[in-house]
Amino acid sequence: EWEDYFFHLIFPEDKADLSIWPREPSDYIEVTKEFGRELRSLASRMLAMLSLGLGLDEGRLEEEVGGMEDLLLKMKINYYPKCPQPDLALGVEAHTDVSSLSFILHNMVPGLQVYHEGEWSTARCVPDSFIVHVGDTIEILSNGRYRSILHRGLVNKEKVRISWAVFCEPP
């Protein structure tokens, strides 16, 4: 895999090990904490909609994955350097996420691919948006009504690709 990454817990804040968080840029800790709080709120809304789609009470899936207090948000910052031969390397091999939900931001360099109807499709880069994946946990809890997404990351010959993936995981 043609990547480097930094992986750390960002929510709940009282469980985050700030000693491993970057000190540069100087506002990293403050901004990342706020990002975690906002994503936690978004995760609650997404889980409520998914619950309702299953005909359940809106809080049911959130309760099953740890509730408001215990659901963990782990962020993986992925760095994919320029690759001289992108046809010979992948940034990340094909996989599904074990999380309940995954939120992905990126630097607008295409490279995320999803497997759909027997072929790989490159996700569109939409400014000011998240890519959201349903993970294995939700597939299991929904008895397959929601499907975990098989995906992979490509590399680029001309541009560095960066993504910030946040995984919502049970405790």
N, C-alpha and C. Protein backbone atom coordinates (compact mmCIF):
# COMPACT_ATOMS: atom_id res chain seq x y z
N GLU A 1 0.84 -1.19 0.00
CA GLU A 1 0.00 0.00 0.00
C GLU A 1 0.88 1.24 0.00
N TRP A 2 0.53 2.19 -0.82
CA TRP A 2 1.30 3.41 -1.05
C TRP A 2 0.68 4.52 -0.23
N GLU A 3 0.91 4.49 1.09
CA GLU A 3 0.30 5.50 1.96
C GLU A 3 1.07 5.61 3.26
N ASP A 4 0.81 6.71 3.93
CA ASP A 4 1.21 6.89 5.32
C ASP A 4 -0.04 7.39 6.03
N TYR A 5 -0.12 7.20 7.33
CA TYR A 5 -1.33 7.62 8.03
C TYR A 5 -1.06 7.90 9.50
N PHE A 6 -2.00 8.61 10.10
CA PHE A 6 -2.00 8.87 11.53
C PHE A 6 -3.41 8.55 12.03
N PHE A 7 -3.50 7.68 13.03
CA PHE A 7 -4.78 7.18 13.51
C PHE A 7 -4.93 7.55 14.98
N HIS A 8 -6.05 8.21 15.35
CA HIS A 8 -6.25 8.55 16.76
C HIS A 8 -7.73 8.74 17.09
N LEU A 9 -8.05 8.49 18.35
CA LEU A 9 -9.40 8.66 18.88
C LEU A 9 -9.67 10.16 19.04
N ILE A 10 -10.83 10.63 18.51
CA ILE A 10 -11.15 12.05 18.66
C ILE A 10 -12.40 12.31 19.50
N PHE A 11 -13.20 11.25 19.78
CA PHE A 11 -14.40 11.42 20.60
C PHE A 11 -14.76 10.09 21.21
N PRO A 12 -15.18 10.05 22.47
CA PRO A 12 -15.37 11.16 23.40
C PRO A 12 -14.04 11.79 23.81
N GLU A 13 -14.12 13.08 24.02
CA GLU A 13 -12.91 13.85 24.31
C GLU A 13 -12.19 13.35 25.55
N ASP A 14 -12.94 12.90 26.56
CA ASP A 14 -12.29 12.46 27.80
C ASP A 14 -11.52 11.15 27.64
N LYS A 15 -11.71 10.45 26.52
CA LYS A 15 -10.97 9.21 26.26
C LYS A 15 -9.83 9.42 25.26
N ALA A 16 -9.75 10.60 24.67
CA ALA A 16 -8.71 10.89 23.67
C ALA A 16 -7.36 11.11 24.34
N ASP A 17 -6.33 10.53 23.78
CA ASP A 17 -4.96 10.71 24.29
C ASP A 17 -4.32 11.89 23.57
N LEU A 18 -4.48 13.08 24.14
CA LEU A 18 -3.97 14.29 23.50
C LEU A 18 -2.45 14.32 23.39
N SER A 19 -1.77 13.48 24.16
CA SER A 19 -0.30 13.48 24.10
C SER A 19 0.23 13.01 22.74
N ILE A 20 -0.57 12.28 21.98
CA ILE A 20 -0.11 11.82 20.66
C ILE A 20 -0.62 12.71 19.53
N TRP A 21 -1.49 13.68 19.84
CA TRP A 21 -2.04 14.55 18.81
C TRP A 21 -0.97 15.54 18.35
N PRO A 22 -0.99 15.89 17.08
CA PRO A 22 -0.02 16.87 16.56
C PRO A 22 -0.13 18.23 17.25
N ARG A 23 0.99 18.88 17.41
CA ARG A 23 1.02 20.24 17.97
C ARG A 23 1.01 21.30 16.88
N GLU A 24 1.29 20.88 15.67
CA GLU A 24 1.26 21.78 14.51
C GLU A 24 0.29 21.21 13.50
N PRO A 25 -0.56 22.02 12.93
CA PRO A 25 -0.72 23.44 13.17
C PRO A 25 -1.21 23.71 14.60
N SER A 26 -0.99 24.90 15.06
CA SER A 26 -1.23 25.23 16.47
C SER A 26 -2.69 25.06 16.88
N ASP A 27 -3.61 25.16 15.95
CA ASP A 27 -5.03 25.01 16.30
C ASP A 27 -5.56 23.60 16.05
N TYR A 28 -4.67 22.63 15.78
CA TYR A 28 -5.10 21.28 15.46
C TYR A 28 -6.00 20.68 16.54
N ILE A 29 -5.57 20.77 17.79
CA ILE A 29 -6.33 20.14 18.87
C ILE A 29 -7.71 20.77 19.00
N GLU A 30 -7.77 22.08 19.04
CA GLU A 30 -9.05 22.77 19.19
C GLU A 30 -9.99 22.46 18.01
N VAL A 31 -9.48 22.56 16.80
CA VAL A 31 -10.30 22.33 15.61
C VAL A 31 -10.75 20.87 15.54
N THR A 32 -9.87 19.94 15.86
CA THR A 32 -10.22 18.52 15.79
C THR A 32 -11.24 18.15 16.85
N LYS A 33 -11.14 18.73 18.04
CA LYS A 33 -12.16 18.49 19.06
C LYS A 33 -13.53 18.96 18.58
N GLU A 34 -13.57 20.15 18.01
CA GLU A 34 -14.85 20.68 17.50
C GLU A 34 -15.36 19.81 16.35
N PHE A 35 -14.48 19.39 15.48
CA PHE A 35 -14.83 18.49 14.38
C PHE A 35 -15.45 17.21 14.93
N GLY A 36 -14.85 16.65 15.98
CA GLY A 36 -15.37 15.45 16.61
C GLY A 36 -16.76 15.65 17.18
N ARG A 37 -16.98 16.78 17.85
CA ARG A 37 -18.31 17.07 18.41
C ARG A 37 -19.36 17.19 17.31
N GLU A 38 -19.00 17.89 16.24
CA GLU A 38 -19.95 18.05 15.12
C GLU A 38 -20.24 16.71 14.44
N LEU A 39 -19.21 15.90 14.24
CA LEU A 39 -19.43 14.60 13.62
C LEU A 39 -20.24 13.68 14.51
N ARG A 40 -20.05 13.79 15.82
CA ARG A 40 -20.83 12.96 16.74
C ARG A 40 -22.31 13.29 16.60
N SER A 41 -22.62 14.58 16.49
CA SER A 41 -24.00 15.01 16.29
C SER A 41 -24.54 14.50 14.95
N LEU A 42 -23.73 14.59 13.90
CA LEU A 42 -24.14 14.10 12.59
C LEU A 42 -24.36 12.59 12.62
N ALA A 43 -23.50 11.86 13.32
CA ALA A 43 -23.65 10.41 13.44
C ALA A 43 -24.98 10.07 14.09
N SER A 44 -25.36 10.81 15.13
CA SER A 44 -26.66 10.58 15.78
C SER A 44 -27.81 10.76 14.80
N ARG A 45 -27.74 11.81 14.00
CA ARG A 45 -28.81 12.06 13.02
C ARG A 45 -28.84 10.97 11.95
N MET A 46 -27.68 10.55 11.48
CA MET A 46 -27.62 9.49 10.47
C MET A 46 -28.15 8.17 11.03
N LEU A 47 -27.74 7.83 12.24
CA LEU A 47 -28.21 6.59 12.85
C LEU A 47 -29.72 6.62 13.08
N ALA A 48 -30.26 7.79 13.44
CA ALA A 48 -31.71 7.93 13.61
C ALA A 48 -32.43 7.67 12.29
N MET A 49 -31.93 8.25 11.20
CA MET A 49 -32.56 8.04 9.89
C MET A 49 -32.49 6.58 9.47
N LEU A 50 -31.34 5.95 9.71
CA LEU A 50 -31.20 4.53 9.37
C LEU A 50 -32.14 3.67 10.20
N SER A 51 -32.31 4.01 11.48
CA SER A 51 -33.24 3.28 12.35
C SER A 51 -34.66 3.39 11.82
N LEU A 52 -35.07 4.61 11.49
CA LEU A 52 -36.42 4.82 10.97
C LEU A 52 -36.62 4.05 9.66
N GLY A 53 -35.59 3.99 8.84
CA GLY A 53 -35.67 3.24 7.58
C GLY A 53 -35.87 1.75 7.79
N LEU A 54 -35.49 1.27 8.96
CA LEU A 54 -35.70 -0.14 9.31
C LEU A 54 -37.03 -0.36 10.04
N GLY A 55 -37.78 0.73 10.24
CA GLY A 55 -39.05 0.62 10.97
C GLY A 55 -38.86 0.55 12.48
N LEU A 56 -37.72 1.01 12.97
CA LEU A 56 -37.41 0.97 14.40
C LEU A 56 -37.56 2.36 15.00
N ASP A 57 -37.57 2.43 16.33
CA ASP A 57 -37.52 3.73 17.00
C ASP A 57 -36.23 4.42 16.57
N GLU A 58 -36.27 5.74 16.47
CA GLU A 58 -35.12 6.46 15.92
C GLU A 58 -33.83 6.30 16.72
N GLY A 59 -33.89 5.98 17.99
CA GLY A 59 -32.70 5.83 18.81
C GLY A 59 -32.14 4.43 18.86
N ARG A 60 -32.78 3.48 18.18
CA ARG A 60 -32.42 2.08 18.34
C ARG A 60 -31.01 1.73 17.88
N LEU A 61 -30.63 2.11 16.66
CA LEU A 61 -29.29 1.76 16.19
C LEU A 61 -28.21 2.43 17.01
N GLU A 62 -28.44 3.68 17.39
CA GLU A 62 -27.44 4.36 18.21
C GLU A 62 -27.26 3.63 19.54
N GLU A 63 -28.35 3.19 20.12
CA GLU A 63 -28.29 2.43 21.37
C GLU A 63 -27.49 1.14 21.17
N GLU A 64 -27.70 0.48 20.05
CA GLU A 64 -27.02 -0.79 19.77
C GLU A 64 -25.52 -0.63 19.54
N VAL A 65 -25.09 0.54 19.09
CA VAL A 65 -23.66 0.74 18.81
C VAL A 65 -22.94 1.51 19.91
N GLY A 66 -23.57 1.66 21.06
CA GLY A 66 -22.86 2.26 22.18
C GLY A 66 -23.56 3.43 22.83
N GLY A 67 -24.62 3.91 22.22
CA GLY A 67 -25.34 5.03 22.83
C GLY A 67 -24.57 6.33 22.71
N MET A 68 -25.19 7.39 23.17
CA MET A 68 -24.60 8.73 23.06
C MET A 68 -23.28 8.83 23.81
N GLU A 69 -23.15 8.12 24.91
CA GLU A 69 -21.96 8.26 25.76
C GLU A 69 -20.77 7.45 25.29
N ASP A 70 -21.00 6.27 24.71
CA ASP A 70 -19.90 5.34 24.49
C ASP A 70 -19.45 5.14 23.05
N LEU A 71 -20.21 5.62 22.07
CA LEU A 71 -19.79 5.47 20.68
C LEU A 71 -18.47 6.20 20.47
N LEU A 72 -17.51 5.52 19.86
CA LEU A 72 -16.17 6.08 19.65
C LEU A 72 -16.04 6.63 18.24
N LEU A 73 -15.35 7.76 18.11
CA LEU A 73 -14.99 8.30 16.80
C LEU A 73 -13.47 8.25 16.69
N LYS A 74 -12.99 7.49 15.72
CA LYS A 74 -11.55 7.36 15.49
C LYS A 74 -11.23 7.93 14.12
N MET A 75 -10.25 8.84 14.08
CA MET A 75 -9.88 9.48 12.82
C MET A 75 -8.57 8.92 12.29
N LYS A 76 -8.59 8.60 11.00
CA LYS A 76 -7.39 8.16 10.30
C LYS A 76 -7.11 9.19 9.21
N ILE A 77 -6.00 9.89 9.35
CA ILE A 77 -5.57 10.85 8.33
C ILE A 77 -4.66 10.09 7.38
N ASN A 78 -5.11 9.95 6.14
CA ASN A 78 -4.37 9.20 5.12
C ASN A 78 -3.61 10.15 4.21
N TYR A 79 -2.35 9.84 3.98
CA TYR A 79 -1.50 10.62 3.08
C TYR A 79 -1.00 9.68 1.99
N TYR A 80 -1.38 9.99 0.76
CA TYR A 80 -0.96 9.19 -0.38
C TYR A 80 -0.02 10.05 -1.23
N PRO A 81 1.29 9.82 -1.14
CA PRO A 81 2.22 10.63 -1.93
C PRO A 81 2.06 10.37 -3.42
N LYS A 82 2.62 11.26 -4.22
CA LYS A 82 2.64 11.03 -5.67
C LYS A 82 3.28 9.66 -5.92
N CYS A 83 2.74 8.97 -6.88
CA CYS A 83 3.25 7.63 -7.19
C CYS A 83 3.70 7.59 -8.65
N PRO A 84 4.97 7.27 -8.90
CA PRO A 84 5.47 7.30 -10.27
C PRO A 84 4.80 6.27 -11.19
N GLN A 85 4.28 5.18 -10.61
CA GLN A 85 3.60 4.15 -11.41
C GLN A 85 2.28 3.76 -10.74
N PRO A 86 1.27 4.62 -10.83
CA PRO A 86 0.01 4.36 -10.12
C PRO A 86 -0.71 3.10 -10.58
N ASP A 87 -0.40 2.61 -11.76
CA ASP A 87 -1.03 1.38 -12.24
C ASP A 87 -0.45 0.14 -11.55
N LEU A 88 0.64 0.30 -10.80
CA LEU A 88 1.27 -0.83 -10.10
C LEU A 88 1.06 -0.81 -8.59
N ALA A 89 0.35 0.21 -8.08
CA ALA A 89 0.19 0.34 -6.63
C ALA A 89 -1.22 0.79 -6.29
N LEU A 90 -1.64 0.45 -5.09
CA LEU A 90 -2.88 0.97 -4.53
C LEU A 90 -2.54 1.77 -3.29
N GLY A 91 -3.33 2.79 -3.01
CA GLY A 91 -3.17 3.50 -1.76
C GLY A 91 -3.64 2.62 -0.61
N VAL A 92 -4.81 2.02 -0.79
CA VAL A 92 -5.38 1.10 0.19
C VAL A 92 -6.06 -0.03 -0.57
N GLU A 93 -5.78 -1.26 -0.17
CA GLU A 93 -6.41 -2.43 -0.79
C GLU A 93 -7.93 -2.40 -0.58
N ALA A 94 -8.64 -3.17 -1.39
CA ALA A 94 -10.10 -3.28 -1.27
C ALA A 94 -10.47 -3.84 0.10
N HIS A 95 -11.47 -3.20 0.73
CA HIS A 95 -11.90 -3.61 2.06
C HIS A 95 -13.27 -3.01 2.37
N THR A 96 -13.90 -3.50 3.43
CA THR A 96 -15.06 -2.84 4.01
C THR A 96 -14.62 -2.33 5.38
N ASP A 97 -15.37 -1.39 5.93
CA ASP A 97 -15.04 -0.84 7.25
C ASP A 97 -15.82 -1.58 8.32
N VAL A 98 -15.16 -1.93 9.42
CA VAL A 98 -15.84 -2.62 10.52
C VAL A 98 -16.73 -1.68 11.33
N SER A 99 -16.59 -0.40 11.11
CA SER A 99 -17.33 0.61 11.86
C SER A 99 -18.83 0.53 11.58
N SER A 100 -19.60 1.33 12.32
CA SER A 100 -21.02 1.46 12.00
C SER A 100 -21.18 2.43 10.84
N LEU A 101 -20.54 3.58 10.93
CA LEU A 101 -20.52 4.59 9.87
C LEU A 101 -19.09 5.08 9.69
N SER A 102 -18.77 5.49 8.47
CA SER A 102 -17.49 6.13 8.19
C SER A 102 -17.77 7.43 7.44
N PHE A 103 -17.15 8.50 7.92
CA PHE A 103 -17.26 9.82 7.28
C PHE A 103 -15.91 10.14 6.66
N ILE A 104 -15.90 10.55 5.40
CA ILE A 104 -14.63 10.81 4.72
C ILE A 104 -14.64 12.21 4.11
N LEU A 105 -13.62 12.97 4.45
CA LEU A 105 -13.31 14.23 3.78
C LEU A 105 -12.04 14.00 2.97
N HIS A 106 -11.85 14.75 1.90
CA HIS A 106 -10.63 14.60 1.12
C HIS A 106 -10.24 15.93 0.50
N ASN A 107 -9.05 15.95 -0.07
CA ASN A 107 -8.50 17.19 -0.63
C ASN A 107 -8.85 17.37 -2.11
N MET A 108 -9.95 16.80 -2.54
CA MET A 108 -10.48 16.96 -3.89
C MET A 108 -9.60 16.33 -4.98
N VAL A 109 -8.74 15.41 -4.59
CA VAL A 109 -7.99 14.62 -5.57
C VAL A 109 -8.69 13.27 -5.67
N PRO A 110 -9.24 12.91 -6.82
CA PRO A 110 -9.97 11.65 -6.95
C PRO A 110 -9.09 10.45 -6.61
N GLY A 111 -9.73 9.41 -6.11
CA GLY A 111 -8.99 8.19 -5.79
C GLY A 111 -9.80 7.17 -5.04
N LEU A 112 -10.87 7.58 -4.37
CA LEU A 112 -11.72 6.62 -3.68
C LEU A 112 -12.57 5.90 -4.72
N GLN A 113 -12.52 4.58 -4.69
CA GLN A 113 -13.36 3.79 -5.58
C GLN A 113 -14.25 2.87 -4.78
N VAL A 114 -15.48 2.68 -5.26
CA VAL A 114 -16.42 1.74 -4.65
C VAL A 114 -16.75 0.66 -5.66
N TYR A 115 -16.98 -0.54 -5.14
CA TYR A 115 -17.32 -1.67 -6.00
C TYR A 115 -18.83 -1.76 -6.08
N HIS A 116 -19.35 -1.62 -7.29
CA HIS A 116 -20.80 -1.60 -7.48
C HIS A 116 -21.15 -2.32 -8.78
N GLU A 117 -22.05 -3.27 -8.67
CA GLU A 117 -22.53 -4.03 -9.83
C GLU A 117 -21.38 -4.60 -10.65
N GLY A 118 -20.40 -5.18 -9.95
CA GLY A 118 -19.32 -5.90 -10.61
C GLY A 118 -18.18 -5.08 -11.16
N GLU A 119 -18.16 -3.78 -10.86
CA GLU A 119 -17.04 -2.97 -11.34
C GLU A 119 -16.70 -1.86 -10.36
N TRP A 120 -15.47 -1.36 -10.50
CA TRP A 120 -14.98 -0.28 -9.65
C TRP A 120 -15.38 1.06 -10.26
N SER A 121 -15.95 1.94 -9.43
CA SER A 121 -16.33 3.29 -9.86
C SER A 121 -15.64 4.30 -8.97
N THR A 122 -15.09 5.33 -9.57
CA THR A 122 -14.43 6.39 -8.80
C THR A 122 -15.47 7.35 -8.26
N ALA A 123 -15.40 7.60 -6.95
CA ALA A 123 -16.34 8.53 -6.31
C ALA A 123 -16.08 9.95 -6.82
N ARG A 124 -17.16 10.68 -7.03
CA ARG A 124 -17.03 12.07 -7.46
C ARG A 124 -16.51 12.93 -6.31
N CYS A 125 -15.73 13.92 -6.64
CA CYS A 125 -15.26 14.90 -5.66
C CYS A 125 -16.26 16.05 -5.63
N VAL A 126 -17.00 16.17 -4.55
CA VAL A 126 -18.00 17.22 -4.41
C VAL A 126 -17.51 18.18 -3.32
N PRO A 127 -17.28 19.44 -3.67
CA PRO A 127 -16.78 20.39 -2.66
C PRO A 127 -17.72 20.51 -1.46
N ASP A 128 -17.14 20.74 -0.29
CA ASP A 128 -17.89 20.99 0.94
C ASP A 128 -18.85 19.86 1.29
N SER A 129 -18.42 18.62 1.09
CA SER A 129 -19.29 17.49 1.41
C SER A 129 -18.48 16.36 2.04
N PHE A 130 -19.20 15.46 2.70
CA PHE A 130 -18.63 14.22 3.23
C PHE A 130 -19.03 13.08 2.31
N ILE A 131 -18.21 12.07 2.28
CA ILE A 131 -18.62 10.77 1.76
C ILE A 131 -18.95 9.95 2.99
N VAL A 132 -20.09 9.28 3.00
CA VAL A 132 -20.50 8.48 4.15
C VAL A 132 -20.65 7.03 3.71
N HIS A 133 -19.99 6.14 4.43
CA HIS A 133 -20.11 4.70 4.19
C HIS A 133 -20.88 4.07 5.34
N VAL A 134 -21.74 3.14 5.02
CA VAL A 134 -22.30 2.23 6.02
C VAL A 134 -21.25 1.14 6.21
N GLY A 135 -20.97 0.81 7.45
CA GLY A 135 -19.95 -0.20 7.74
C GLY A 135 -20.54 -1.54 8.12
N ASP A 136 -19.64 -2.49 8.41
CA ASP A 136 -20.03 -3.86 8.72
C ASP A 136 -21.00 -3.95 9.90
N THR A 137 -20.80 -3.10 10.91
CA THR A 137 -21.65 -3.15 12.10
C THR A 137 -23.11 -2.90 11.74
N ILE A 138 -23.37 -1.90 10.91
CA ILE A 138 -24.75 -1.59 10.51
C ILE A 138 -25.29 -2.67 9.58
N GLU A 139 -24.45 -3.23 8.73
CA GLU A 139 -24.92 -4.33 7.88
C GLU A 139 -25.40 -5.49 8.75
N ILE A 140 -24.64 -5.81 9.78
CA ILE A 140 -25.01 -6.91 10.67
C ILE A 140 -26.28 -6.57 11.45
N LEU A 141 -26.32 -5.38 12.04
CA LEU A 141 -27.49 -5.00 12.85
C LEU A 141 -28.77 -4.87 12.02
N SER A 142 -28.63 -4.57 10.73
CA SER A 142 -29.82 -4.44 9.87
C SER A 142 -30.15 -5.74 9.14
N ASN A 143 -29.45 -6.82 9.48
CA ASN A 143 -29.64 -8.10 8.79
C ASN A 143 -29.48 -7.96 7.28
N GLY A 144 -28.52 -7.13 6.88
CA GLY A 144 -28.19 -6.99 5.47
C GLY A 144 -29.05 -6.01 4.69
N ARG A 145 -30.01 -5.36 5.34
CA ARG A 145 -30.83 -4.38 4.60
C ARG A 145 -29.99 -3.17 4.20
N TYR A 146 -29.04 -2.79 5.05
CA TYR A 146 -28.04 -1.80 4.68
C TYR A 146 -26.75 -2.56 4.45
N ARG A 147 -26.03 -2.23 3.39
CA ARG A 147 -24.85 -2.99 3.02
C ARG A 147 -23.58 -2.19 3.25
N SER A 148 -22.60 -2.87 3.80
CA SER A 148 -21.26 -2.30 3.95
C SER A 148 -20.66 -2.12 2.56
N ILE A 149 -19.89 -1.07 2.39
CA ILE A 149 -19.38 -0.70 1.08
C ILE A 149 -17.96 -1.25 0.87
N LEU A 150 -17.77 -2.06 -0.16
CA LEU A 150 -16.43 -2.49 -0.55
C LEU A 150 -15.78 -1.33 -1.30
N HIS A 151 -14.63 -0.91 -0.84
CA HIS A 151 -13.98 0.25 -1.44
C HIS A 151 -12.46 0.11 -1.38
N ARG A 152 -11.78 0.96 -2.12
CA ARG A 152 -10.31 0.98 -2.14
C ARG A 152 -9.85 2.39 -2.46
N GLY A 153 -8.57 2.63 -2.24
CA GLY A 153 -8.01 3.95 -2.53
C GLY A 153 -6.93 3.86 -3.59
N LEU A 154 -7.05 4.70 -4.60
CA LEU A 154 -6.04 4.77 -5.66
C LEU A 154 -5.03 5.87 -5.36
N VAL A 155 -3.90 5.79 -6.04
CA VAL A 155 -2.88 6.83 -5.93
C VAL A 155 -2.82 7.61 -7.24
N ASN A 156 -2.09 8.72 -7.22
CA ASN A 156 -2.07 9.64 -8.34
C ASN A 156 -0.62 9.94 -8.72
N LYS A 157 -0.37 10.05 -10.00
CA LYS A 157 1.00 10.32 -10.47
C LYS A 157 1.39 11.78 -10.27
N GLU A 158 0.44 12.70 -10.41
CA GLU A 158 0.75 14.13 -10.38
C GLU A 158 0.47 14.82 -9.05
N LYS A 159 -0.46 14.28 -8.27
CA LYS A 159 -0.91 15.00 -7.07
C LYS A 159 -0.88 14.12 -5.83
N VAL A 160 -0.57 14.76 -4.71
CA VAL A 160 -0.70 14.11 -3.41
C VAL A 160 -2.19 14.01 -3.09
N ARG A 161 -2.59 12.89 -2.55
CA ARG A 161 -3.99 12.71 -2.14
C ARG A 161 -4.02 12.57 -0.62
N ILE A 162 -4.94 13.30 0.02
CA ILE A 162 -5.10 13.24 1.47
C ILE A 162 -6.57 13.02 1.77
N SER A 163 -6.84 12.15 2.74
CA SER A 163 -8.22 11.99 3.20
C SER A 163 -8.24 11.90 4.71
N TRP A 164 -9.34 12.34 5.27
CA TRP A 164 -9.58 12.28 6.71
C TRP A 164 -10.80 11.39 6.90
N ALA A 165 -10.57 10.17 7.35
CA ALA A 165 -11.66 9.22 7.56
C ALA A 165 -11.95 9.14 9.06
N VAL A 166 -13.23 9.27 9.41
CA VAL A 166 -13.63 9.14 10.81
C VAL A 166 -14.58 7.95 10.90
N PHE A 167 -14.20 7.00 11.76
CA PHE A 167 -14.95 5.77 11.93
C PHE A 167 -15.74 5.83 13.23
N CYS A 168 -17.04 5.58 13.15
CA CYS A 168 -17.91 5.53 14.33
C CYS A 168 -17.99 4.08 14.76
N GLU A 169 -17.43 3.78 15.93
CA GLU A 169 -17.31 2.39 16.35
C GLU A 169 -17.90 2.16 17.73
N PRO A 170 -18.49 0.98 17.93
CA PRO A 170 -18.94 0.63 19.28
C PRO A 170 -17.74 0.56 20.23
N PRO A 171 -17.98 0.72 21.52
CA PRO A 171 -16.86 0.67 22.48
C PRO A 171 -16.21 -0.72 22.55
